Amino acid sequence: MDRAALIRLLGTIFETRETEIVCSEFFELLPIYVDLVASSGASAAQSAFPQVAHHIAQCTECGEEYQALLQVTRPPQ
């Protein structure tokens, strides 16, 4: 494991909360969250769904799914 991966892993451990959503709950909320990001911005979505925002920061796979779905919803530039 390289230094960057170790630092990310330690950060994830220390940012763990007492109550968190699991990936299945995340995927249920993801379309709503992405719609809110697209229409109102990331800060509005983070305020409305803090557990989703936290899960994105904690779970690499779900973060990648979020980024992919967000790219699909944005108009081409």
N, C-alpha and C. Protein backbone atom coordinates (compact mmCIF):
# COMPACT_ATOMS: atom_id res chain seq x y z
N MET A 1 0.86 -1.17 0.00
CA MET A 1 0.00 0.00 0.00
C MET A 1 0.91 1.24 0.00
N ASP A 2 0.62 2.14 -0.91
CA ASP A 2 1.44 3.35 -0.97
C ASP A 2 0.97 4.36 0.09
N ARG A 3 1.74 5.39 0.27
CA ARG A 3 1.47 6.39 1.31
C ARG A 3 0.12 7.07 1.13
N ALA A 4 -0.21 7.44 -0.10
CA ALA A 4 -1.48 8.12 -0.35
C ALA A 4 -2.67 7.23 0.00
N ALA A 5 -2.60 5.96 -0.35
CA ALA A 5 -3.68 5.03 -0.03
C ALA A 5 -3.81 4.85 1.48
N LEU A 6 -2.69 4.77 2.17
CA LEU A 6 -2.72 4.63 3.62
C LEU A 6 -3.33 5.87 4.28
N ILE A 7 -2.97 7.03 3.81
CA ILE A 7 -3.52 8.27 4.36
C ILE A 7 -5.04 8.33 4.13
N ARG A 8 -5.48 7.93 2.92
CA ARG A 8 -6.92 7.91 2.65
C ARG A 8 -7.64 6.92 3.56
N LEU A 9 -7.07 5.75 3.75
CA LEU A 9 -7.67 4.74 4.62
C LEU A 9 -7.78 5.25 6.05
N LEU A 10 -6.73 5.84 6.56
CA LEU A 10 -6.76 6.38 7.93
C LEU A 10 -7.78 7.50 8.05
N GLY A 11 -7.86 8.35 7.03
CA GLY A 11 -8.85 9.42 7.04
C GLY A 11 -10.26 8.88 7.07
N THR A 12 -10.50 7.84 6.31
CA THR A 12 -11.81 7.20 6.28
C THR A 12 -12.17 6.64 7.65
N ILE A 13 -11.23 6.00 8.28
CA ILE A 13 -11.47 5.42 9.61
C ILE A 13 -11.82 6.51 10.61
N PHE A 14 -11.07 7.60 10.62
CA PHE A 14 -11.30 8.65 11.59
C PHE A 14 -12.54 9.49 11.30
N GLU A 15 -13.04 9.44 10.09
CA GLU A 15 -14.25 10.20 9.74
C GLU A 15 -15.52 9.37 9.86
N THR A 16 -15.40 8.14 10.32
CA THR A 16 -16.56 7.28 10.50
C THR A 16 -17.50 7.89 11.54
N ARG A 17 -18.78 7.84 11.24
CA ARG A 17 -19.79 8.39 12.15
C ARG A 17 -20.55 7.25 12.84
N GLU A 18 -21.22 7.60 13.90
CA GLU A 18 -21.98 6.60 14.65
C GLU A 18 -23.11 6.01 13.80
N THR A 19 -23.79 6.85 13.04
CA THR A 19 -24.83 6.37 12.14
C THR A 19 -24.45 6.76 10.72
N GLU A 20 -24.40 5.79 9.86
CA GLU A 20 -24.08 6.01 8.45
C GLU A 20 -25.03 5.19 7.61
N ILE A 21 -25.18 5.58 6.35
CA ILE A 21 -25.98 4.77 5.45
C ILE A 21 -25.08 3.75 4.78
N VAL A 22 -25.67 2.64 4.39
CA VAL A 22 -24.93 1.61 3.66
C VAL A 22 -25.14 1.84 2.17
N CYS A 23 -24.38 1.13 1.37
CA CYS A 23 -24.42 1.34 -0.08
C CYS A 23 -25.82 1.17 -0.66
N SER A 24 -26.58 0.20 -0.19
CA SER A 24 -27.93 -0.01 -0.74
C SER A 24 -28.82 1.21 -0.47
N GLU A 25 -28.71 1.81 0.70
CA GLU A 25 -29.47 3.03 1.00
C GLU A 25 -28.98 4.19 0.14
N PHE A 26 -27.67 4.25 -0.05
CA PHE A 26 -27.09 5.28 -0.90
C PHE A 26 -27.67 5.22 -2.31
N PHE A 27 -27.75 4.02 -2.88
CA PHE A 27 -28.23 3.88 -4.25
C PHE A 27 -29.71 4.22 -4.38
N GLU A 28 -30.47 4.07 -3.31
CA GLU A 28 -31.88 4.49 -3.33
C GLU A 28 -31.99 6.01 -3.40
N LEU A 29 -31.08 6.72 -2.72
CA LEU A 29 -31.13 8.18 -2.66
C LEU A 29 -30.33 8.86 -3.75
N LEU A 30 -29.46 8.14 -4.41
CA LEU A 30 -28.55 8.73 -5.39
C LEU A 30 -29.26 9.53 -6.49
N PRO A 31 -30.30 9.01 -7.15
CA PRO A 31 -30.94 9.82 -8.20
C PRO A 31 -31.50 11.15 -7.69
N ILE A 32 -32.08 11.12 -6.50
CA ILE A 32 -32.63 12.34 -5.92
C ILE A 32 -31.50 13.32 -5.61
N TYR A 33 -30.42 12.81 -5.06
CA TYR A 33 -29.27 13.63 -4.71
C TYR A 33 -28.67 14.28 -5.96
N VAL A 34 -28.49 13.50 -7.01
CA VAL A 34 -27.90 14.02 -8.25
C VAL A 34 -28.82 15.07 -8.88
N ASP A 35 -30.11 14.82 -8.87
CA ASP A 35 -31.05 15.83 -9.39
C ASP A 35 -30.93 17.14 -8.62
N LEU A 36 -30.78 17.04 -7.30
CA LEU A 36 -30.65 18.24 -6.49
C LEU A 36 -29.32 18.95 -6.77
N VAL A 37 -28.25 18.20 -6.94
CA VAL A 37 -26.96 18.81 -7.29
C VAL A 37 -27.09 19.53 -8.62
N ALA A 38 -27.71 18.88 -9.60
CA ALA A 38 -27.84 19.46 -10.94
C ALA A 38 -28.72 20.71 -10.94
N SER A 39 -29.76 20.73 -10.11
CA SER A 39 -30.69 21.86 -10.13
C SER A 39 -30.33 22.98 -9.15
N SER A 40 -29.76 22.61 -8.01
CA SER A 40 -29.54 23.61 -6.96
C SER A 40 -28.10 23.75 -6.49
N GLY A 41 -27.24 22.84 -6.91
CA GLY A 41 -25.84 22.90 -6.52
C GLY A 41 -25.48 21.90 -5.43
N ALA A 42 -24.19 21.65 -5.33
CA ALA A 42 -23.70 20.64 -4.40
C ALA A 42 -23.98 21.01 -2.94
N SER A 43 -23.86 22.29 -2.60
CA SER A 43 -24.06 22.66 -1.19
C SER A 43 -25.51 22.43 -0.76
N ALA A 44 -26.47 22.67 -1.64
CA ALA A 44 -27.87 22.41 -1.31
C ALA A 44 -28.11 20.92 -1.11
N ALA A 45 -27.52 20.11 -1.98
CA ALA A 45 -27.67 18.66 -1.85
C ALA A 45 -27.01 18.16 -0.58
N GLN A 46 -25.84 18.68 -0.26
CA GLN A 46 -25.14 18.27 0.95
C GLN A 46 -25.92 18.66 2.20
N SER A 47 -26.57 19.80 2.16
CA SER A 47 -27.38 20.24 3.30
C SER A 47 -28.62 19.38 3.46
N ALA A 48 -29.25 19.03 2.34
CA ALA A 48 -30.47 18.23 2.38
C ALA A 48 -30.20 16.76 2.69
N PHE A 49 -29.07 16.26 2.21
CA PHE A 49 -28.74 14.84 2.37
C PHE A 49 -27.31 14.68 2.88
N PRO A 50 -27.05 15.09 4.13
CA PRO A 50 -25.68 15.01 4.63
C PRO A 50 -25.13 13.58 4.69
N GLN A 51 -25.99 12.60 4.92
CA GLN A 51 -25.50 11.22 4.98
C GLN A 51 -25.06 10.73 3.60
N VAL A 52 -25.73 11.17 2.56
CA VAL A 52 -25.33 10.80 1.20
C VAL A 52 -23.98 11.45 0.87
N ALA A 53 -23.84 12.72 1.19
CA ALA A 53 -22.58 13.42 0.94
C ALA A 53 -21.43 12.75 1.69
N HIS A 54 -21.69 12.36 2.92
CA HIS A 54 -20.66 11.69 3.72
C HIS A 54 -20.30 10.34 3.11
N HIS A 55 -21.30 9.61 2.66
CA HIS A 55 -21.05 8.30 2.06
C HIS A 55 -20.21 8.43 0.79
N ILE A 56 -20.48 9.44 0.00
CA ILE A 56 -19.69 9.69 -1.22
C ILE A 56 -18.22 9.90 -0.85
N ALA A 57 -17.99 10.63 0.22
CA ALA A 57 -16.62 10.89 0.66
C ALA A 57 -15.95 9.65 1.23
N GLN A 58 -16.74 8.74 1.79
CA GLN A 58 -16.19 7.57 2.45
C GLN A 58 -16.02 6.36 1.54
N CYS A 59 -16.91 6.18 0.59
CA CYS A 59 -16.95 4.95 -0.20
C CYS A 59 -16.50 5.24 -1.64
N THR A 60 -15.35 4.73 -2.00
CA THR A 60 -14.78 5.00 -3.31
C THR A 60 -15.70 4.55 -4.44
N GLU A 61 -16.23 3.34 -4.35
CA GLU A 61 -17.08 2.83 -5.43
C GLU A 61 -18.34 3.67 -5.60
N CYS A 62 -18.97 4.03 -4.50
CA CYS A 62 -20.19 4.84 -4.58
C CYS A 62 -19.86 6.26 -5.07
N GLY A 63 -18.71 6.77 -4.68
CA GLY A 63 -18.27 8.07 -5.18
C GLY A 63 -18.09 8.06 -6.68
N GLU A 64 -17.55 6.96 -7.20
CA GLU A 64 -17.39 6.83 -8.65
C GLU A 64 -18.74 6.73 -9.35
N GLU A 65 -19.68 6.02 -8.76
CA GLU A 65 -21.04 5.93 -9.33
C GLU A 65 -21.71 7.31 -9.33
N TYR A 66 -21.53 8.05 -8.26
CA TYR A 66 -22.08 9.40 -8.17
C TYR A 66 -21.50 10.27 -9.29
N GLN A 67 -20.19 10.26 -9.46
CA GLN A 67 -19.55 11.06 -10.49
C GLN A 67 -20.04 10.68 -11.88
N ALA A 68 -20.19 9.38 -12.13
CA ALA A 68 -20.66 8.92 -13.44
C ALA A 68 -22.08 9.39 -13.71
N LEU A 69 -22.96 9.25 -12.72
CA LEU A 69 -24.35 9.68 -12.91
C LEU A 69 -24.42 11.20 -13.06
N LEU A 70 -23.62 11.90 -12.32
CA LEU A 70 -23.61 13.36 -12.43
C LEU A 70 -23.16 13.79 -13.82
N GLN A 71 -22.17 13.13 -14.38
CA GLN A 71 -21.71 13.45 -15.74
C GLN A 71 -22.79 13.22 -16.77
N VAL A 72 -23.58 12.19 -16.59
CA VAL A 72 -24.65 11.87 -17.54
C VAL A 72 -25.76 12.93 -17.49
N THR A 73 -25.99 13.50 -16.30
CA THR A 73 -27.08 14.47 -16.16
C THR A 73 -26.70 15.87 -16.59
N ARG A 74 -25.40 16.15 -16.70
CA ARG A 74 -24.97 17.49 -17.10
C ARG A 74 -25.02 17.63 -18.61
N PRO A 75 -25.46 18.77 -19.10
CA PRO A 75 -25.48 18.98 -20.56
C PRO A 75 -24.07 19.06 -21.11
N PRO A 76 -23.86 18.62 -22.35
CA PRO A 76 -22.54 18.70 -22.96
C PRO A 76 -22.08 20.16 -23.06
N GLN A 77 -20.78 20.36 -22.91
CA GLN A 77 -20.25 21.73 -22.97
C GLN A 77 -19.57 21.99 -24.27
